Amino acid sequence: MLKRVDIENREIEILDERAMKAVNTRGRAFPEEKCEYRTEFVRDRDRIIHSKALRRLKHKTQVFLSPEGDHYRTRLTHTLEVSQVARTIARILNYNEDLTEAIALGHDLGHTPFGHNGEIVLNSIHPGGFKHNVQSLRVVEMLETGKDKRGMNLTFEVKDGILNHTGNVSPITLEGQIVKLSDRIAYVNHDMDDAIRSGVIAAEDFPKEPLKILGGSHSKRINNLIESLVNNSEGKDYITLDEAKGAALNEMRNFMFNKVYTSERVKKAEDLNKVEVVITSLYNYYIENPEKMPKIYHEIVKTEGINVAVKDYIAGMTDRYALSEYTELFVPKAWK
């Protein structure tokens, strides 16, 4: 039988010297008695897996809103794909797979309903703006509730990886840096797959040069990018792709933003105007009627103000819940 101390000792003996070991964590904001069998990073992973915030991701948009088909990605399946890519890389480089998985599973917990369109709207109407990575940290620090507690009380390293999985600040651990690159590897490639499936774009319409470098199929691109990352990161104090594949991935990402994410066909499917109406209407309604929100948000009103509480409430909604609330509040009963 392996107990926590055995696993911690095995990490010290086996993992790369650059890897983050559970025994060296900076710990939790609120000290807890250690588990007899699980390391601190395994406990963090388990808390995220069992959270309501993670379950809600299955009903949050990735790119296509309410697509007609069962195989389009949601925010949850995106998270699982990021976790798979990141865990594979961590295992090959002999870094801490448990820490990597915890960060990957938690990185998008703060995403709004209706994908990035929802984030754009909430950012435009909420004083101080809105960023999903900041909201993800807020979810794990205070919004996720359990019996007699607020927040998940995760370790410093997991929270740092969640906060800095996007943006200009690099995570402090190599495991966090792995997740940051794995996120881009995953979403660029699976969004290409979904764009072809939807008919928004044909496979032959993608730029030829980056495809020559990255590979002609989804599986080949993922495999080639993982190989590039591990071969160029081994023995280094940072995680990186080789220059050619890094440039090709960025070129493909820019292409996706120009031709897919802002495509008229995608906009039509998502109907950005309706997203703006739904989120703005709900935001303004709860600003005027804060008592209509669940009790947890009443406390936030008292401590941080009405705008923060309403932002938290709306950001946590799934697509279908937001539409249901909007319908209940604003659509005359005879029109339903």
C-alpha atoms as a PDB file:
ATOM      1  CA  MET A   1       0.000   0.000   0.000  1.00  0.00           C
ATOM      2  CA  LEU A   2       1.245   3.460  -0.914  1.00  0.00           C
ATOM      3  CA  LYS A   3       0.473   6.263   1.500  1.00  0.00           C
ATOM      4  CA  ARG A   4       0.928   9.974   0.892  1.00  0.00           C
ATOM      5  CA  VAL A   5       4.439  10.103   2.348  1.00  0.00           C
ATOM      6  CA  ASP A   6       5.465   7.189   0.104  1.00  0.00           C
ATOM      7  CA  ILE A   7       4.140   8.985  -2.972  1.00  0.00           C
ATOM      8  CA  GLU A   8       5.851  12.220  -1.945  1.00  0.00           C
ATOM      9  CA  ASN A   9       9.147  10.396  -1.497  1.00  0.00           C
ATOM     10  CA  ARG A  10       8.717   8.663  -4.826  1.00  0.00           C
ATOM     11  CA  GLU A  11       8.172  12.041  -6.517  1.00  0.00           C
ATOM     12  CA  ILE A  12      11.465  13.271  -5.060  1.00  0.00           C
ATOM     13  CA  GLU A  13      13.278  10.161  -6.262  1.00  0.00           C
ATOM     14  CA  ILE A  14      11.731   9.831  -9.713  1.00  0.00           C
ATOM     15  CA  LEU A  15      10.558  13.206 -11.051  1.00  0.00           C
ATOM     16  CA  ASP A  16      12.868  15.582 -12.901  1.00  0.00           C
ATOM     17  CA  GLU A  17      14.719  18.000 -10.667  1.00  0.00           C
ATOM     18  CA  ARG A  18      12.783  20.890 -12.264  1.00  0.00           C
ATOM     19  CA  ALA A  19       9.408  19.326 -11.524  1.00  0.00           C
ATOM     20  CA  MET A  20       7.231  20.679  -8.750  1.00  0.00           C
ATOM     21  CA  LYS A  21       7.001  18.157  -5.923  1.00  0.00           C
ATOM     22  CA  ALA A  22       3.903  18.036  -3.768  1.00  0.00           C
ATOM     23  CA  VAL A  23       5.975  18.174  -0.594  1.00  0.00           C
ATOM     24  CA  ASN A  24       7.375  21.544  -1.721  1.00  0.00           C
ATOM     25  CA  THR A  25       4.034  23.278  -2.285  1.00  0.00           C
ATOM     26  CA  ARG A  26       3.632  26.761  -0.866  1.00  0.00           C
ATOM     27  CA  GLY A  27       0.465  25.384   0.653  1.00  0.00           C
ATOM     28  CA  ARG A  28      -3.089  26.598   1.074  1.00  0.00           C
ATOM     29  CA  ALA A  29      -4.479  29.913   2.243  1.00  0.00           C
ATOM     30  CA  PHE A  30      -6.181  28.047   5.078  1.00  0.00           C
ATOM     31  CA  PRO A  31      -4.080  25.195   6.519  1.00  0.00           C
ATOM     32  CA  GLU A  32      -5.696  21.766   6.546  1.00  0.00           C
ATOM     33  CA  GLU A  33      -4.819  18.406   7.999  1.00  0.00           C
ATOM     34  CA  LYS A  34      -3.060  16.382   5.316  1.00  0.00           C
ATOM     35  CA  CYS A  35      -4.676  13.329   3.733  1.00  0.00           C
ATOM     36  CA  GLU A  36      -3.161   9.986   4.665  1.00  0.00           C
ATOM     37  CA  TYR A  37      -3.194   8.722   1.075  1.00  0.00           C
ATOM     38  CA  ARG A  38      -3.338  11.633  -1.366  1.00  0.00           C
ATOM     39  CA  THR A  39      -0.795  14.338  -2.074  1.00  0.00           C
ATOM     40  CA  GLU A  40      -1.893  17.966  -1.976  1.00  0.00           C
ATOM     41  CA  PHE A  41      -2.070  18.218  -5.770  1.00  0.00           C
ATOM     42  CA  VAL A  42      -4.167  15.052  -6.049  1.00  0.00           C
ATOM     43  CA  ARG A  43      -6.578  16.518  -3.504  1.00  0.00           C
ATOM     44  CA  ASP A  44      -6.821  19.690  -5.593  1.00  0.00           C
ATOM     45  CA  ARG A  45      -7.556  17.682  -8.726  1.00  0.00           C
ATOM     46  CA  ASP A  46     -10.243  15.709  -6.915  1.00  0.00           C
ATOM     47  CA  ARG A  47     -11.902  18.852  -5.571  1.00  0.00           C
ATOM     48  CA  ILE A  48     -12.103  20.321  -9.067  1.00  0.00           C
ATOM     49  CA  ILE A  49     -13.477  17.098 -10.568  1.00  0.00           C
ATOM     50  CA  HIS A  50     -16.257  16.979  -7.968  1.00  0.00           C
ATOM     51  CA  SER A  51     -17.102  20.689  -8.232  1.00  0.00           C
ATOM     52  CA  LYS A  52     -20.363  22.089  -9.543  1.00  0.00           C
ATOM     53  CA  ALA A  53     -18.364  24.609 -11.569  1.00  0.00           C
ATOM     54  CA  LEU A  54     -16.761  21.834 -13.617  1.00  0.00           C
ATOM     55  CA  ARG A  55     -20.094  20.095 -14.220  1.00  0.00           C
ATOM     56  CA  ARG A  56     -21.589  23.323 -15.552  1.00  0.00           C
ATOM     57  CA  LEU A  57     -18.982  23.456 -18.322  1.00  0.00           C
ATOM     58  CA  LYS A  58     -20.825  20.731 -20.236  1.00  0.00           C
ATOM     59  CA  HIS A  59     -23.534  23.294 -20.988  1.00  0.00           C
ATOM     60  CA  LYS A  60     -21.246  26.204 -21.851  1.00  0.00           C
ATOM     61  CA  THR A  61     -20.322  27.110 -25.415  1.00  0.00           C
ATOM     62  CA  GLN A  62     -16.840  26.529 -26.822  1.00  0.00           C
ATOM     63  CA  VAL A  63     -17.308  28.059 -30.308  1.00  0.00           C
ATOM     64  CA  PHE A  64     -20.661  26.927 -31.690  1.00  0.00           C
ATOM     65  CA  LEU A  65     -23.790  27.819 -29.743  1.00  0.00           C
ATOM     66  CA  SER A  66     -26.400  25.025 -29.559  1.00  0.00           C
ATOM     67  CA  PRO A  67     -24.950  23.257 -32.607  1.00  0.00           C
ATOM     68  CA  GLU A  68     -27.034  20.771 -34.548  1.00  0.00           C
ATOM     69  CA  GLY A  69     -24.918  17.703 -33.895  1.00  0.00           C
ATOM     70  CA  ASP A  70     -23.585  15.661 -31.013  1.00  0.00           C
ATOM     71  CA  HIS A  71     -19.877  15.928 -31.751  1.00  0.00           C
ATOM     72  CA  TYR A  72     -19.114  19.626 -31.340  1.00  0.00           C
ATOM     73  CA  ARG A  73     -16.912  20.622 -28.439  1.00  0.00           C
ATOM     74  CA  THR A  74     -18.287  22.233 -25.321  1.00  0.00           C
ATOM     75  CA  ARG A  75     -16.266  24.041 -22.684  1.00  0.00           C
ATOM     76  CA  LEU A  76     -16.081  20.749 -20.753  1.00  0.00           C
ATOM     77  CA  THR A  77     -14.802  18.639 -23.636  1.00  0.00           C
ATOM     78  CA  HIS A  78     -12.269  21.362 -24.393  1.00  0.00           C
ATOM     79  CA  THR A  79     -11.075  21.108 -20.789  1.00  0.00           C
ATOM     80  CA  LEU A  80     -10.706  17.330 -21.101  1.00  0.00           C
ATOM     81  CA  GLU A  81      -8.687  17.675 -24.297  1.00  0.00           C
ATOM     82  CA  VAL A  82      -6.389  20.235 -22.691  1.00  0.00           C
ATOM     83  CA  SER A  83      -5.925  17.878 -19.748  1.00  0.00           C
ATOM     84  CA  GLN A  84      -5.030  14.979 -22.051  1.00  0.00           C
ATOM     85  CA  VAL A  85      -2.450  16.978 -23.999  1.00  0.00           C
ATOM     86  CA  ALA A  86      -0.943  18.473 -20.852  1.00  0.00           C
ATOM     87  CA  ARG A  87      -0.753  15.172 -18.975  1.00  0.00           C
ATOM     88  CA  THR A  88       0.953  13.505 -21.937  1.00  0.00           C
ATOM     89  CA  ILE A  89       3.580  16.243 -22.049  1.00  0.00           C
ATOM     90  CA  ALA A  90       4.142  16.179 -18.281  1.00  0.00           C
ATOM     91  CA  ARG A  91       4.559  12.414 -18.323  1.00  0.00           C
ATOM     92  CA  ILE A  92       7.111  12.497 -21.141  1.00  0.00           C
ATOM     93  CA  LEU A  93       9.130  15.288 -19.500  1.00  0.00           C
ATOM     94  CA  ASN A  94       8.855  13.549 -16.114  1.00  0.00           C
ATOM     95  CA  TYR A  95       7.162  16.514 -14.442  1.00  0.00           C
ATOM     96  CA  ASN A  96       4.324  16.405 -11.928  1.00  0.00           C
ATOM     97  CA  GLU A  97       1.327  14.967 -13.744  1.00  0.00           C
ATOM     98  CA  ASP A  98      -1.040  15.475 -10.803  1.00  0.00           C
ATOM     99  CA  LEU A  99      -0.309  19.198 -10.617  1.00  0.00           C
ATOM    100  CA  THR A 100      -0.594  19.498 -14.399  1.00  0.00           C
ATOM    101  CA  GLU A 101      -3.976  17.775 -14.429  1.00  0.00           C
ATOM    102  CA  ALA A 102      -5.350  19.906 -11.590  1.00  0.00           C
ATOM    103  CA  ILE A 103      -4.424  23.136 -13.385  1.00  0.00           C
ATOM    104  CA  ALA A 104      -5.819  21.900 -16.705  1.00  0.00           C
ATOM    105  CA  LEU A 105      -9.150  20.840 -15.202  1.00  0.00           C
ATOM    106  CA  GLY A 106      -9.547  24.173 -13.407  1.00  0.00           C
ATOM    107  CA  HIS A 107      -8.301  26.604 -16.019  1.00  0.00           C
ATOM    108  CA  ASP A 108     -11.682  27.501 -17.596  1.00  0.00           C
ATOM    109  CA  LEU A 109     -14.033  27.285 -14.604  1.00  0.00           C
ATOM    110  CA  GLY A 110     -14.725  31.028 -14.825  1.00  0.00           C
ATOM    111  CA  HIS A 111     -15.943  31.101 -18.416  1.00  0.00           C
ATOM    112  CA  THR A 112     -19.235  32.842 -19.117  1.00  0.00           C
ATOM    113  CA  PRO A 113     -22.238  31.387 -20.924  1.00  0.00           C
ATOM    114  CA  PHE A 114     -22.116  31.673 -24.732  1.00  0.00           C
ATOM    115  CA  GLY A 115     -18.330  31.286 -24.956  1.00  0.00           C
ATOM    116  CA  HIS A 116     -16.041  34.192 -25.759  1.00  0.00           C
ATOM    117  CA  ASN A 117     -18.998  36.209 -27.050  1.00  0.00           C
ATOM    118  CA  GLY A 118     -20.444  36.149 -23.548  1.00  0.00           C
ATOM    119  CA  GLU A 119     -17.082  37.184 -22.159  1.00  0.00           C
ATOM    120  CA  ILE A 120     -16.882  40.118 -24.575  1.00  0.00           C
ATOM    121  CA  VAL A 121     -20.333  41.365 -23.551  1.00  0.00           C
ATOM    122  CA  LEU A 122     -19.707  41.007 -19.814  1.00  0.00           C
ATOM    123  CA  ASN A 123     -16.335  42.708 -20.201  1.00  0.00           C
ATOM    124  CA  SER A 124     -18.020  45.661 -21.909  1.00  0.00           C
ATOM    125  CA  ILE A 125     -20.799  46.208 -19.353  1.00  0.00           C
ATOM    126  CA  HIS A 126     -19.143  45.325 -16.040  1.00  0.00           C
ATOM    127  CA  PRO A 127     -17.165  48.135 -14.355  1.00  0.00           C
ATOM    128  CA  GLY A 128     -13.526  47.074 -14.294  1.00  0.00           C
ATOM    129  CA  GLY A 129     -14.046  44.605 -17.125  1.00  0.00           C
ATOM    130  CA  PHE A 130     -14.096  40.827 -17.131  1.00  0.00           C
ATOM    131  CA  LYS A 131     -11.433  38.177 -17.807  1.00  0.00           C
ATOM    132  CA  HIS A 132     -12.271  34.510 -17.599  1.00  0.00           C
ATOM    133  CA  ASN A 133      -8.915  33.498 -16.097  1.00  0.00           C
ATOM    134  CA  VAL A 134      -9.388  35.959 -13.234  1.00  0.00           C
ATOM    135  CA  GLN A 135     -12.923  34.653 -12.776  1.00  0.00           C
ATOM    136  CA  SER A 136     -11.642  31.059 -12.772  1.00  0.00           C
ATOM    137  CA  LEU A 137      -9.414  31.940  -9.839  1.00  0.00           C
ATOM    138  CA  ARG A 138     -12.348  33.597  -8.106  1.00  0.00           C
ATOM    139  CA  VAL A 139     -14.435  30.457  -8.572  1.00  0.00           C
ATOM    140  CA  VAL A 140     -11.912  28.241  -6.817  1.00  0.00           C
ATOM    141  CA  GLU A 141     -11.107  30.804  -4.120  1.00  0.00           C
ATOM    142  CA  MET A 142     -14.618  31.693  -3.030  1.00  0.00           C
ATOM    143  CA  LEU A 143     -17.568  31.008  -5.347  1.00  0.00           C
ATOM    144  CA  GLU A 144     -17.547  27.209  -5.326  1.00  0.00           C
ATOM    145  CA  THR A 145     -19.348  26.234  -2.155  1.00  0.00           C
ATOM    146  CA  GLY A 146     -19.416  23.051  -0.150  1.00  0.00           C
ATOM    147  CA  LYS A 147     -20.604  21.978   3.247  1.00  0.00           C
ATOM    148  CA  ASP A 148     -19.738  24.711   5.739  1.00  0.00           C
ATOM    149  CA  LYS A 149     -17.092  26.257   3.471  1.00  0.00           C
ATOM    150  CA  ARG A 150     -16.520  28.778   0.704  1.00  0.00           C
ATOM    151  CA  GLY A 151     -14.049  28.083  -2.052  1.00  0.00           C
ATOM    152  CA  MET A 152     -11.922  25.012  -2.691  1.00  0.00           C
ATOM    153  CA  ASN A 153      -8.859  26.193  -0.735  1.00  0.00           C
ATOM    154  CA  LEU A 154      -6.498  24.957  -3.444  1.00  0.00           C
ATOM    155  CA  THR A 155      -2.723  25.064  -3.290  1.00  0.00           C
ATOM    156  CA  PHE A 156      -0.818  28.142  -4.415  1.00  0.00           C
ATOM    157  CA  GLU A 157       0.681  26.386  -7.458  1.00  0.00           C
ATOM    158  CA  VAL A 158      -2.664  25.239  -8.842  1.00  0.00           C
ATOM    159  CA  LYS A 159      -4.216  28.674  -8.404  1.00  0.00           C
ATOM    160  CA  ASP A 160      -1.224  30.314 -10.079  1.00  0.00           C
ATOM    161  CA  GLY A 161      -1.522  27.975 -13.062  1.00  0.00           C
ATOM    162  CA  ILE A 162      -5.245  28.671 -13.388  1.00  0.00           C
ATOM    163  CA  LEU A 163      -4.789  32.450 -13.237  1.00  0.00           C
ATOM    164  CA  ASN A 164      -1.869  32.565 -15.654  1.00  0.00           C
ATOM    165  CA  HIS A 165      -2.981  29.980 -18.228  1.00  0.00           C
ATOM    166  CA  THR A 166      -3.581  32.948 -20.538  1.00  0.00           C
ATOM    167  CA  GLY A 167      -2.081  36.420 -20.747  1.00  0.00           C
ATOM    168  CA  ASN A 168       1.462  37.760 -20.579  1.00  0.00           C
ATOM    169  CA  VAL A 169       2.430  36.422 -17.142  1.00  0.00           C
ATOM    170  CA  SER A 170       4.077  33.004 -17.140  1.00  0.00           C
ATOM    171  CA  PRO A 171       3.027  30.442 -14.503  1.00  0.00           C
ATOM    172  CA  ILE A 172       5.639  29.878 -11.799  1.00  0.00           C
ATOM    173  CA  THR A 173       5.766  26.115 -12.360  1.00  0.00           C
ATOM    174  CA  LEU A 174       6.744  24.265 -15.498  1.00  0.00           C
ATOM    175  CA  GLU A 175       3.546  22.282 -15.082  1.00  0.00           C
ATOM    176  CA  GLY A 176       1.564  25.512 -15.336  1.00  0.00           C
ATOM    177  CA  GLN A 177       3.522  26.480 -18.443  1.00  0.00           C
ATOM    178  CA  ILE A 178       2.668  23.103 -19.971  1.00  0.00           C
ATOM    179  CA  VAL A 179      -1.043  23.771 -19.472  1.00  0.00           C
ATOM    180  CA  LYS A 180      -0.721  27.241 -20.991  1.00  0.00           C
ATOM    181  CA  LEU A 181       0.676  25.872 -24.256  1.00  0.00           C
ATOM    182  CA  SER A 182      -1.558  22.794 -24.180  1.00  0.00           C
ATOM    183  CA  ASP A 183      -4.612  25.064 -24.071  1.00  0.00           C
ATOM    184  CA  ARG A 184      -3.600  26.700 -27.351  1.00  0.00           C
ATOM    185  CA  ILE A 185      -2.597  23.398 -28.951  1.00  0.00           C
ATOM    186  CA  ALA A 186      -5.964  21.899 -28.028  1.00  0.00           C
ATOM    187  CA  TYR A 187      -8.325  24.708 -28.973  1.00  0.00           C
ATOM    188  CA  VAL A 188      -6.717  25.651 -32.280  1.00  0.00           C
ATOM    189  CA  ASN A 189      -6.842  22.049 -33.457  1.00  0.00           C
ATOM    190  CA  HIS A 190     -10.249  21.021 -32.156  1.00  0.00           C
ATOM    191  CA  ASP A 191     -11.823  24.269 -33.362  1.00  0.00           C
ATOM    192  CA  MET A 192     -10.433  23.516 -36.831  1.00  0.00           C
ATOM    193  CA  ASP A 193     -12.135  20.130 -36.601  1.00  0.00           C
ATOM    194  CA  ASP A 194     -15.467  21.653 -35.550  1.00  0.00           C
ATOM    195  CA  ALA A 195     -15.262  24.364 -38.216  1.00  0.00           C
ATOM    196  CA  ILE A 196     -14.906  21.728 -40.932  1.00  0.00           C
ATOM    197  CA  ARG A 197     -17.749  19.657 -39.451  1.00  0.00           C
ATOM    198  CA  SER A 198     -20.039  22.684 -39.372  1.00  0.00           C
ATOM    199  CA  GLY A 199     -19.346  23.646 -42.974  1.00  0.00           C
ATOM    200  CA  VAL A 200     -18.013  27.066 -41.983  1.00  0.00           C
ATOM    201  CA  ILE A 201     -14.825  26.241 -43.833  1.00  0.00           C
ATOM    202  CA  ALA A 202     -13.492  23.389 -45.951  1.00  0.00           C
ATOM    203  CA  ALA A 203     -10.303  21.530 -45.123  1.00  0.00           C
ATOM    204  CA  GLU A 204      -8.670  22.759 -48.330  1.00  0.00           C
ATOM    205  CA  ASP A 205      -9.299  26.400 -47.336  1.00  0.00           C
ATOM    206  CA  PHE A 206      -6.830  26.366 -44.458  1.00  0.00           C
ATOM    207  CA  PRO A 207      -3.472  28.032 -45.184  1.00  0.00           C
ATOM    208  CA  LYS A 208      -1.117  25.529 -46.753  1.00  0.00           C
ATOM    209  CA  GLU A 209       2.247  26.517 -45.274  1.00  0.00           C
ATOM    210  CA  PRO A 210       1.414  26.085 -41.574  1.00  0.00           C
ATOM    211  CA  LEU A 211      -0.329  22.791 -42.379  1.00  0.00           C
ATOM    212  CA  LYS A 212       2.843  21.525 -44.058  1.00  0.00           C
ATOM    213  CA  ILE A 213       4.678  22.195 -40.801  1.00  0.00           C
ATOM    214  CA  LEU A 214       1.995  21.100 -38.346  1.00  0.00           C
ATOM    215  CA  GLY A 215       0.466  18.154 -40.200  1.00  0.00           C
ATOM    216  CA  GLY A 216      -2.504  17.385 -42.390  1.00  0.00           C
ATOM    217  CA  SER A 217      -4.784  15.779 -39.810  1.00  0.00           C
ATOM    218  CA  HIS A 218      -5.962  16.515 -36.276  1.00  0.00           C
ATOM    219  CA  SER A 219      -4.049  13.608 -34.745  1.00  0.00           C
ATOM    220  CA  LYS A 220      -0.856  14.345 -36.663  1.00  0.00           C
ATOM    221  CA  ARG A 221      -0.916  18.007 -35.608  1.00  0.00           C
ATOM    222  CA  ILE A 222      -1.417  17.134 -31.944  1.00  0.00           C
ATOM    223  CA  ASN A 223       1.331  14.515 -32.096  1.00  0.00           C
ATOM    224  CA  ASN A 224       3.775  16.792 -33.933  1.00  0.00           C
ATOM    225  CA  LEU A 225       3.185  19.699 -31.544  1.00  0.00           C
ATOM    226  CA  ILE A 226       3.647  17.496 -28.484  1.00  0.00           C
ATOM    227  CA  GLU A 227       6.874  16.069 -29.931  1.00  0.00           C
ATOM    228  CA  SER A 228       8.123  19.579 -30.697  1.00  0.00           C
ATOM    229  CA  LEU A 229       7.303  20.807 -27.216  1.00  0.00           C
ATOM    230  CA  VAL A 230       8.962  17.954 -25.328  1.00  0.00           C
ATOM    231  CA  ASN A 231      12.056  17.926 -27.548  1.00  0.00           C
ATOM    232  CA  ASN A 232      12.551  21.685 -27.183  1.00  0.00           C
ATOM    233  CA  SER A 233      11.723  21.884 -23.471  1.00  0.00           C
ATOM    234  CA  GLU A 234      13.743  18.964 -22.098  1.00  0.00           C
ATOM    235  CA  GLY A 235      16.406  20.161 -19.683  1.00  0.00           C
ATOM    236  CA  LYS A 236      15.233  23.775 -19.840  1.00  0.00           C
ATOM    237  CA  ASP A 237      13.680  26.026 -17.219  1.00  0.00           C
ATOM    238  CA  TYR A 238      10.820  26.957 -19.532  1.00  0.00           C
ATOM    239  CA  ILE A 239       8.348  25.249 -21.865  1.00  0.00           C
ATOM    240  CA  THR A 240       8.464  26.054 -25.573  1.00  0.00           C
ATOM    241  CA  LEU A 241       7.844  24.822 -29.101  1.00  0.00           C
ATOM    242  CA  ASP A 242      10.493  24.971 -31.797  1.00  0.00           C
ATOM    243  CA  GLU A 243      10.452  28.225 -33.714  1.00  0.00           C
ATOM    244  CA  ALA A 244       8.887  26.853 -36.908  1.00  0.00           C
ATOM    245  CA  LYS A 245       6.012  25.020 -35.221  1.00  0.00           C
ATOM    246  CA  GLY A 246       5.409  27.857 -32.776  1.00  0.00           C
ATOM    247  CA  ALA A 247       5.100  30.305 -35.667  1.00  0.00           C
ATOM    248  CA  ALA A 248       2.873  27.905 -37.627  1.00  0.00           C
ATOM    249  CA  LEU A 249       0.564  27.409 -34.641  1.00  0.00           C
ATOM    250  CA  ASN A 250       0.272  31.174 -34.159  1.00  0.00           C
ATOM    251  CA  GLU A 251      -0.447  31.648 -37.866  1.00  0.00           C
ATOM    252  CA  MET A 252      -3.193  29.054 -37.727  1.00  0.00           C
ATOM    253  CA  ARG A 253      -4.615  30.653 -34.584  1.00  0.00           C
ATOM    254  CA  ASN A 254      -4.732  34.051 -36.312  1.00  0.00           C
ATOM    255  CA  PHE A 255      -6.425  32.445 -39.314  1.00  0.00           C
ATOM    256  CA  MET A 256      -9.070  30.906 -37.044  1.00  0.00           C
ATOM    257  CA  PHE A 257      -9.812  34.286 -35.467  1.00  0.00           C
ATOM    258  CA  ASN A 258     -10.138  35.970 -38.848  1.00  0.00           C
ATOM    259  CA  LYS A 259     -12.015  33.279 -40.767  1.00  0.00           C
ATOM    260  CA  VAL A 260     -13.837  31.168 -38.183  1.00  0.00           C
ATOM    261  CA  TYR A 261     -14.351  32.841 -34.804  1.00  0.00           C
ATOM    262  CA  THR A 262     -15.554  36.042 -36.508  1.00  0.00           C
ATOM    263  CA  SER A 263     -17.093  34.317 -39.509  1.00  0.00           C
ATOM    264  CA  GLU A 264     -20.559  35.466 -40.568  1.00  0.00           C
ATOM    265  CA  ARG A 265     -21.740  31.859 -40.479  1.00  0.00           C
ATOM    266  CA  VAL A 266     -20.481  31.384 -36.941  1.00  0.00           C
ATOM    267  CA  LYS A 267     -21.978  34.711 -35.914  1.00  0.00           C
ATOM    268  CA  LYS A 268     -25.269  33.656 -37.397  1.00  0.00           C
ATOM    269  CA  ALA A 269     -25.215  30.408 -35.449  1.00  0.00           C
ATOM    270  CA  GLU A 270     -24.293  32.128 -32.217  1.00  0.00           C
ATOM    271  CA  ASP A 271     -26.273  35.274 -32.941  1.00  0.00           C
ATOM    272  CA  LEU A 272     -24.045  37.727 -31.125  1.00  0.00           C
ATOM    273  CA  ASN A 273     -26.787  40.350 -30.942  1.00  0.00           C
ATOM    274  CA  LYS A 274     -29.018  37.981 -29.011  1.00  0.00           C
ATOM    275  CA  VAL A 275     -26.163  37.058 -26.682  1.00  0.00           C
ATOM    276  CA  GLU A 276     -25.640  40.748 -25.966  1.00  0.00           C
ATOM    277  CA  VAL A 277     -29.345  41.272 -25.298  1.00  0.00           C
ATOM    278  CA  VAL A 278     -29.597  38.281 -22.962  1.00  0.00           C
ATOM    279  CA  ILE A 279     -26.517  39.049 -20.863  1.00  0.00           C
ATOM    280  CA  THR A 280     -27.090  42.814 -20.734  1.00  0.00           C
ATOM    281  CA  SER A 281     -30.740  42.385 -19.808  1.00  0.00           C
ATOM    282  CA  LEU A 282     -29.950  39.909 -17.048  1.00  0.00           C
ATOM    283  CA  TYR A 283     -27.138  42.087 -15.726  1.00  0.00           C
ATOM    284  CA  ASN A 284     -29.319  45.186 -15.538  1.00  0.00           C
ATOM    285  CA  TYR A 285     -32.229  43.266 -14.027  1.00  0.00           C
ATOM    286  CA  TYR A 286     -30.185  41.844 -11.150  1.00  0.00           C
ATOM    287  CA  ILE A 287     -28.546  45.213 -10.524  1.00  0.00           C
ATOM    288  CA  GLU A 288     -32.056  46.513  -9.860  1.00  0.00           C
ATOM    289  CA  ASN A 289     -33.297  43.353  -8.123  1.00  0.00           C
ATOM    290  CA  PRO A 290     -30.372  41.804  -6.200  1.00  0.00           C
ATOM    291  CA  GLU A 291     -32.762  40.002  -3.844  1.00  0.00           C
ATOM    292  CA  LYS A 292     -33.735  37.748  -6.758  1.00  0.00           C
ATOM    293  CA  MET A 293     -30.258  36.174  -6.826  1.00  0.00           C
ATOM    294  CA  PRO A 294     -29.366  33.131  -4.684  1.00  0.00           C
ATOM    295  CA  LYS A 295     -28.311  33.831  -1.097  1.00  0.00           C
ATOM    296  CA  ILE A 296     -24.583  33.377  -1.686  1.00  0.00           C
ATOM    297  CA  TYR A 297     -24.621  36.508  -3.846  1.00  0.00           C
ATOM    298  CA  HIS A 298     -26.422  38.531  -1.164  1.00  0.00           C
ATOM    299  CA  GLU A 299     -23.278  38.221   0.955  1.00  0.00           C
ATOM    300  CA  ILE A 300     -21.116  39.363  -1.943  1.00  0.00           C
ATOM    301  CA  VAL A 301     -23.348  42.419  -2.355  1.00  0.00           C
ATOM    302  CA  LYS A 302     -22.604  43.346   1.256  1.00  0.00           C
ATOM    303  CA  THR A 303     -18.843  42.807   1.065  1.00  0.00           C
ATOM    304  CA  GLU A 304     -17.891  43.669  -2.528  1.00  0.00           C
ATOM    305  CA  GLY A 305     -20.826  45.508  -4.041  1.00  0.00           C
ATOM    306  CA  ILE A 306     -23.755  44.814  -6.292  1.00  0.00           C
ATOM    307  CA  ASN A 307     -21.824  44.846  -9.591  1.00  0.00           C
ATOM    308  CA  VAL A 308     -19.388  42.159  -8.471  1.00  0.00           C
ATOM    309  CA  ALA A 309     -22.214  39.961  -7.181  1.00  0.00           C
ATOM    310  CA  VAL A 310     -24.177  40.241 -10.422  1.00  0.00           C
ATOM    311  CA  LYS A 311     -21.073  39.591 -12.501  1.00  0.00           C
ATOM    312  CA  ASP A 312     -20.350  36.457 -10.471  1.00  0.00           C
ATOM    313  CA  TYR A 313     -23.907  35.199 -10.835  1.00  0.00           C
ATOM    314  CA  ILE A 314     -24.115  35.689 -14.603  1.00  0.00           C
ATOM    315  CA  ALA A 315     -20.616  34.334 -15.285  1.00  0.00           C
ATOM    316  CA  GLY A 316     -21.559  31.123 -13.508  1.00  0.00           C
ATOM    317  CA  MET A 317     -24.660  30.513 -15.620  1.00  0.00           C
ATOM    318  CA  THR A 318     -24.793  27.867 -18.326  1.00  0.00           C
ATOM    319  CA  ASP A 319     -26.093  28.795 -21.766  1.00  0.00           C
ATOM    320  CA  ARG A 320     -29.447  27.148 -21.177  1.00  0.00           C
ATOM    321  CA  TYR A 321     -29.891  28.574 -17.683  1.00  0.00           C
ATOM    322  CA  ALA A 322     -29.201  32.115 -18.922  1.00  0.00           C
ATOM    323  CA  LEU A 323     -31.740  31.648 -21.721  1.00  0.00           C
ATOM    324  CA  SER A 324     -34.247  30.189 -19.284  1.00  0.00           C
ATOM    325  CA  GLU A 325     -33.855  33.116 -16.886  1.00  0.00           C
ATOM    326  CA  TYR A 326     -34.151  35.627 -19.723  1.00  0.00           C
ATOM    327  CA  THR A 327     -37.292  33.921 -21.023  1.00  0.00           C
ATOM    328  CA  GLU A 328     -38.849  33.829 -17.582  1.00  0.00           C
ATOM    329  CA  LEU A 329     -38.110  37.481 -16.889  1.00  0.00           C
ATOM    330  CA  PHE A 330     -38.617  39.180 -20.234  1.00  0.00           C
ATOM    331  CA  VAL A 331     -40.696  37.067 -22.628  1.00  0.00           C
ATOM    332  CA  PRO A 332     -44.479  37.413 -22.204  1.00  0.00           C
ATOM    333  CA  LYS A 333     -46.004  34.089 -21.202  1.00  0.00           C
ATOM    334  CA  ALA A 334     -48.209  33.940 -24.303  1.00  0.00           C
ATOM    335  CA  TRP A 335     -45.102  34.169 -26.527  1.00  0.00           C
ATOM    336  CA  LYS A 336     -43.313  31.170 -25.041  1.00  0.00           C
END
